[in-house]
Amino acid sequence: MTIKWYAALSGIIAAFMVSLDIGRRVTGWGFVIFLTSSIAWISGAVLAKDPALGTQNAVLFAVNGFGVYRYLVRKTA
């Protein structure tokens, strides 16, 4: 399935971007990519009828959404 390959590769890229810790903007965009990865995994889970994978990525979607807010939306002190 192409959607699962996108989910896997985008998750790898996002994890690398976040782990680099080279600035708020790069980290924030890493979280945006994580969001798209979560959406792809949720879609793949629905197609494969895998509720555990879907549930996990629904929670990760919320966590990554908080990361986007924290690094791209919220102003620093």
N, C-alpha and C. Protein backbone atom coordinates (compact mmCIF):
# COMPACT_ATOMS: atom_id res chain seq x y z
N MET A 1 0.84 -1.20 0.00
CA MET A 1 0.00 0.00 0.00
C MET A 1 0.88 1.25 0.00
N THR A 2 0.64 2.11 -0.91
CA THR A 2 1.40 3.36 -1.01
C THR A 2 1.21 4.23 0.22
N ILE A 3 0.01 4.25 0.77
CA ILE A 3 -0.26 5.12 1.92
C ILE A 3 0.58 4.71 3.13
N LYS A 4 0.80 3.42 3.31
CA LYS A 4 1.62 2.97 4.43
C LYS A 4 3.09 3.33 4.22
N TRP A 5 3.56 3.27 2.98
CA TRP A 5 4.93 3.69 2.70
C TRP A 5 5.10 5.18 2.97
N TYR A 6 4.11 5.99 2.56
CA TYR A 6 4.18 7.42 2.86
C TYR A 6 4.22 7.63 4.37
N ALA A 7 3.35 6.92 5.08
CA ALA A 7 3.29 7.07 6.54
C ALA A 7 4.64 6.73 7.18
N ALA A 8 5.23 5.64 6.74
CA ALA A 8 6.51 5.22 7.32
C ALA A 8 7.63 6.21 7.00
N LEU A 9 7.76 6.58 5.74
CA LEU A 9 8.85 7.48 5.33
C LEU A 9 8.69 8.88 5.91
N SER A 10 7.46 9.39 5.94
CA SER A 10 7.26 10.72 6.51
C SER A 10 7.52 10.71 8.01
N GLY A 11 7.18 9.62 8.69
CA GLY A 11 7.49 9.51 10.12
C GLY A 11 8.98 9.51 10.38
N ILE A 12 9.73 8.82 9.52
CA ILE A 12 11.19 8.80 9.65
C ILE A 12 11.77 10.19 9.45
N ILE A 13 11.31 10.87 8.42
CA ILE A 13 11.81 12.24 8.14
C ILE A 13 11.46 13.18 9.29
N ALA A 14 10.22 13.10 9.78
CA ALA A 14 9.80 13.98 10.87
C ALA A 14 10.61 13.71 12.14
N ALA A 15 10.84 12.44 12.45
CA ALA A 15 11.63 12.11 13.64
C ALA A 15 13.05 12.68 13.52
N PHE A 16 13.63 12.58 12.33
CA PHE A 16 14.96 13.13 12.11
C PHE A 16 14.95 14.64 12.30
N MET A 17 13.94 15.32 11.75
CA MET A 17 13.86 16.78 11.89
C MET A 17 13.74 17.19 13.34
N VAL A 18 12.91 16.51 14.10
CA VAL A 18 12.73 16.85 15.52
C VAL A 18 14.01 16.55 16.30
N SER A 19 14.66 15.43 15.99
CA SER A 19 15.86 15.04 16.74
C SER A 19 17.05 15.96 16.47
N LEU A 20 17.07 16.63 15.32
CA LEU A 20 18.17 17.54 15.02
C LEU A 20 18.25 18.70 16.01
N ASP A 21 17.09 19.15 16.50
CA ASP A 21 17.04 20.25 17.46
C ASP A 21 17.85 21.46 16.98
N ILE A 22 17.58 21.88 15.72
CA ILE A 22 18.31 23.02 15.16
C ILE A 22 17.47 24.28 15.10
N GLY A 23 16.37 24.28 15.81
CA GLY A 23 15.56 25.49 15.88
C GLY A 23 14.07 25.18 15.95
N ARG A 24 13.34 26.12 16.49
CA ARG A 24 11.90 25.95 16.67
C ARG A 24 11.18 25.71 15.35
N ARG A 25 11.60 26.41 14.32
CA ARG A 25 10.90 26.30 13.04
C ARG A 25 11.04 24.91 12.42
N VAL A 26 12.23 24.38 12.41
CA VAL A 26 12.47 23.04 11.85
C VAL A 26 11.73 22.00 12.69
N THR A 27 11.82 22.12 14.00
CA THR A 27 11.11 21.20 14.89
C THR A 27 9.60 21.29 14.65
N GLY A 28 9.08 22.50 14.54
CA GLY A 28 7.65 22.69 14.29
C GLY A 28 7.20 22.06 13.00
N TRP A 29 7.99 22.23 11.95
CA TRP A 29 7.64 21.62 10.66
C TRP A 29 7.78 20.10 10.72
N GLY A 30 8.68 19.62 11.55
CA GLY A 30 8.75 18.18 11.79
C GLY A 30 7.45 17.66 12.37
N PHE A 31 6.88 18.42 13.29
CA PHE A 31 5.59 18.03 13.87
C PHE A 31 4.47 18.09 12.84
N VAL A 32 4.53 19.04 11.93
CA VAL A 32 3.54 19.10 10.85
C VAL A 32 3.62 17.82 10.00
N ILE A 33 4.83 17.41 9.69
CA ILE A 33 5.00 16.17 8.91
C ILE A 33 4.52 14.97 9.72
N PHE A 34 4.79 14.97 11.04
CA PHE A 34 4.25 13.91 11.89
C PHE A 34 2.72 13.87 11.80
N LEU A 35 2.07 15.05 11.74
CA LEU A 35 0.61 15.08 11.60
C LEU A 35 0.17 14.37 10.32
N THR A 36 0.85 14.65 9.22
CA THR A 36 0.46 13.99 7.97
C THR A 36 0.74 12.49 8.03
N SER A 37 1.79 12.11 8.73
CA SER A 37 2.10 10.69 8.92
C SER A 37 0.99 10.01 9.72
N SER A 38 0.53 10.66 10.77
CA SER A 38 -0.55 10.11 11.58
C SER A 38 -1.83 9.94 10.77
N ILE A 39 -2.13 10.93 9.93
CA ILE A 39 -3.31 10.83 9.07
C ILE A 39 -3.17 9.64 8.13
N ALA A 40 -1.99 9.47 7.55
CA ALA A 40 -1.77 8.34 6.65
C ALA A 40 -1.89 7.01 7.39
N TRP A 41 -1.34 6.93 8.61
CA TRP A 41 -1.44 5.69 9.38
C TRP A 41 -2.89 5.40 9.76
N ILE A 42 -3.64 6.44 10.11
CA ILE A 42 -5.06 6.25 10.43
C ILE A 42 -5.80 5.73 9.20
N SER A 43 -5.52 6.31 8.06
CA SER A 43 -6.14 5.86 6.81
C SER A 43 -5.77 4.41 6.51
N GLY A 44 -4.51 4.07 6.67
CA GLY A 44 -4.06 2.70 6.46
C GLY A 44 -4.71 1.74 7.43
N ALA A 45 -4.89 2.19 8.67
CA ALA A 45 -5.53 1.34 9.68
C ALA A 45 -6.99 1.08 9.34
N VAL A 46 -7.68 2.09 8.84
CA VAL A 46 -9.07 1.91 8.43
C VAL A 46 -9.16 0.92 7.28
N LEU A 47 -8.29 1.08 6.29
CA LEU A 47 -8.29 0.18 5.13
C LEU A 47 -7.95 -1.25 5.53
N ALA A 48 -7.04 -1.41 6.49
CA ALA A 48 -6.62 -2.74 6.93
C ALA A 48 -7.49 -3.28 8.06
N LYS A 49 -8.45 -2.48 8.50
CA LYS A 49 -9.32 -2.86 9.63
C LYS A 49 -8.49 -3.21 10.86
N ASP A 50 -7.62 -2.28 11.24
CA ASP A 50 -6.71 -2.44 12.37
C ASP A 50 -6.98 -1.34 13.39
N PRO A 51 -7.95 -1.56 14.32
CA PRO A 51 -8.32 -0.50 15.25
C PRO A 51 -7.20 -0.09 16.21
N ALA A 52 -6.32 -1.00 16.57
CA ALA A 52 -5.23 -0.64 17.48
C ALA A 52 -4.29 0.38 16.84
N LEU A 53 -3.94 0.16 15.59
CA LEU A 53 -3.08 1.10 14.88
C LEU A 53 -3.78 2.45 14.71
N GLY A 54 -5.06 2.42 14.40
CA GLY A 54 -5.82 3.65 14.25
C GLY A 54 -5.90 4.44 15.55
N THR A 55 -6.15 3.73 16.65
CA THR A 55 -6.24 4.39 17.96
C THR A 55 -4.91 5.01 18.35
N GLN A 56 -3.83 4.25 18.17
CA GLN A 56 -2.50 4.77 18.50
C GLN A 56 -2.23 6.06 17.75
N ASN A 57 -2.52 6.08 16.48
CA ASN A 57 -2.20 7.26 15.68
C ASN A 57 -3.18 8.39 15.87
N ALA A 58 -4.38 8.12 16.33
CA ALA A 58 -5.30 9.20 16.71
C ALA A 58 -4.72 9.95 17.92
N VAL A 59 -4.18 9.20 18.87
CA VAL A 59 -3.54 9.83 20.03
C VAL A 59 -2.28 10.57 19.62
N LEU A 60 -1.47 9.95 18.76
CA LEU A 60 -0.26 10.62 18.28
C LEU A 60 -0.59 11.87 17.48
N PHE A 61 -1.71 11.86 16.77
CA PHE A 61 -2.15 13.05 16.04
C PHE A 61 -2.36 14.21 17.02
N ALA A 62 -3.01 13.91 18.15
CA ALA A 62 -3.24 14.97 19.16
C ALA A 62 -1.91 15.45 19.75
N VAL A 63 -1.01 14.53 20.06
CA VAL A 63 0.30 14.90 20.61
C VAL A 63 1.07 15.76 19.61
N ASN A 64 1.06 15.36 18.36
CA ASN A 64 1.77 16.11 17.32
C ASN A 64 1.12 17.46 17.07
N GLY A 65 -0.20 17.53 17.19
CA GLY A 65 -0.90 18.81 17.09
C GLY A 65 -0.44 19.77 18.17
N PHE A 66 -0.24 19.24 19.38
CA PHE A 66 0.29 20.07 20.46
C PHE A 66 1.71 20.53 20.13
N GLY A 67 2.51 19.66 19.51
CA GLY A 67 3.86 20.04 19.08
C GLY A 67 3.83 21.18 18.08
N VAL A 68 2.90 21.11 17.12
CA VAL A 68 2.76 22.20 16.14
C VAL A 68 2.41 23.49 16.86
N TYR A 69 1.45 23.42 17.78
CA TYR A 69 1.07 24.62 18.54
C TYR A 69 2.28 25.16 19.31
N ARG A 70 2.98 24.28 19.99
CA ARG A 70 4.08 24.70 20.86
C ARG A 70 5.22 25.34 20.07
N TYR A 71 5.55 24.79 18.89
CA TYR A 71 6.72 25.26 18.17
C TYR A 71 6.42 26.26 17.05
N LEU A 72 5.21 26.26 16.50
CA LEU A 72 4.92 27.17 15.39
C LEU A 72 3.89 28.26 15.71
N VAL A 73 3.02 28.01 16.68
CA VAL A 73 1.94 28.96 16.94
C VAL A 73 2.23 29.81 18.18
N ARG A 74 2.53 29.16 19.27
CA ARG A 74 2.73 29.87 20.53
C ARG A 74 3.97 30.75 20.49
N LYS A 75 3.83 31.93 21.01
CA LYS A 75 4.97 32.86 21.06
C LYS A 75 5.89 32.49 22.22
N THR A 76 7.19 32.63 22.02
CA THR A 76 8.14 32.34 23.09
C THR A 76 8.16 33.49 24.08
N ALA A 77 8.55 33.14 25.29
CA ALA A 77 8.59 34.15 26.36
C ALA A 77 9.74 35.10 26.18
